[in-house]
Structure formats: C-alpha cells, structure tokens
Protein backbone atom coordinates (compact mmCIF):
# COMPACT_ATOMS: atom_id res chain seq x y z
CA MET A 1 10.45 -10.83 10.46
CA THR A 2 9.06 -11.72 7.06
CA GLU A 3 6.26 -9.64 5.54
CA ALA A 4 3.73 -12.41 6.08
CA PHE A 5 4.19 -12.35 9.86
CA VAL A 6 4.40 -8.62 10.61
CA SER A 7 0.92 -8.48 12.13
CA ALA A 8 1.73 -11.45 14.38
CA ALA A 9 4.96 -9.79 15.52
CA GLU A 10 3.17 -6.51 16.21
CA LEU A 11 0.52 -8.34 18.23
CA MET A 12 3.15 -10.24 20.23
CA ALA A 13 5.01 -7.01 20.98
CA ARG A 14 1.77 -5.39 22.15
CA VAL A 15 0.90 -8.40 24.35
CA LEU A 16 4.37 -8.28 25.91
CA GLY A 17 4.08 -4.57 26.67
CA ALA A 18 6.28 -3.32 23.86
CA ASP A 19 3.68 -1.78 21.55
CA GLY A 20 5.37 -0.19 18.56
CA TYR A 21 8.60 -2.17 19.03
CA PRO A 22 10.61 -1.70 15.83
CA PHE A 23 11.96 -4.64 13.87
CA ALA A 24 13.40 -5.33 10.44
CA VAL A 25 11.11 -6.84 7.82
CA ILE A 26 12.23 -8.97 4.88
CA GLY A 27 10.40 -10.45 1.92
CA HIS A 28 8.43 -13.64 2.23
CA PRO A 29 8.94 -16.50 1.70
CA ILE A 30 12.55 -17.25 2.44
CA SER A 31 12.40 -21.03 1.98
CA SER A 32 12.23 -20.78 -1.80
CA ALA A 33 14.73 -17.94 -2.19
CA ASP A 34 18.12 -18.72 -3.69
CA GLY A 35 21.41 -17.72 -2.12
CA ALA A 36 21.66 -14.40 -3.96
CA ALA A 37 18.12 -13.40 -2.97
CA LEU A 38 18.75 -14.34 0.65
CA ALA A 39 22.02 -12.39 0.66
CA ALA A 40 20.24 -9.30 -0.71
CA ARG A 41 17.51 -9.59 1.92
CA ALA A 42 20.08 -10.06 4.65
CA GLU A 43 21.99 -6.99 3.51
CA ARG A 44 18.84 -4.85 3.62
CA ALA A 45 17.84 -6.32 6.99
CA ALA A 46 21.30 -5.63 8.44
CA ALA A 47 21.08 -2.00 7.29
CA ASP A 48 17.59 -1.74 8.83
CA CYS A 49 18.85 -3.23 12.11
CA ALA A 50 21.79 -0.83 12.21
CA ARG A 51 19.40 2.08 11.68
CA LEU A 52 17.04 0.81 14.40
CA LEU A 53 19.89 0.38 16.86
CA THR A 54 21.39 3.82 16.27
CA VAL A 55 18.29 6.03 16.13
CA ALA A 56 17.91 8.13 19.26
CA ASP A 57 14.54 7.62 20.95
CA GLY A 58 12.55 10.84 20.83
C-alpha cells in the first residue's frame, strides 16, 4: 500500500472483519519514481512483508 492510501486500506480491512490487518507501506507516488527509487521501495517492502509473515501472533 502507498502512504496516501493507508487509511483506505485500514477501513477496508475493518469493513471485511480484519481490523488491524498488517500490511507493508511504501512511499507515494510510485508513478513518478524512477527505477532505482522503485527498487529501493520494493526492497523495503519485501523486508516488511517477510517480517509480517514470520512474526508469531501474540
């Protein structure tokens, strides 16, 4: 999810019964980012996703 749409994603998760659902967030916008910037964002997002997928739930 990009930063600009976090609140929309949180609302959608809540509406679908998954309040607090974790997701990776990247900088916005992506349409004007060059390849290097997109690669850096993707690398951070991949690390965030790996962390989210491997954290034991409380």
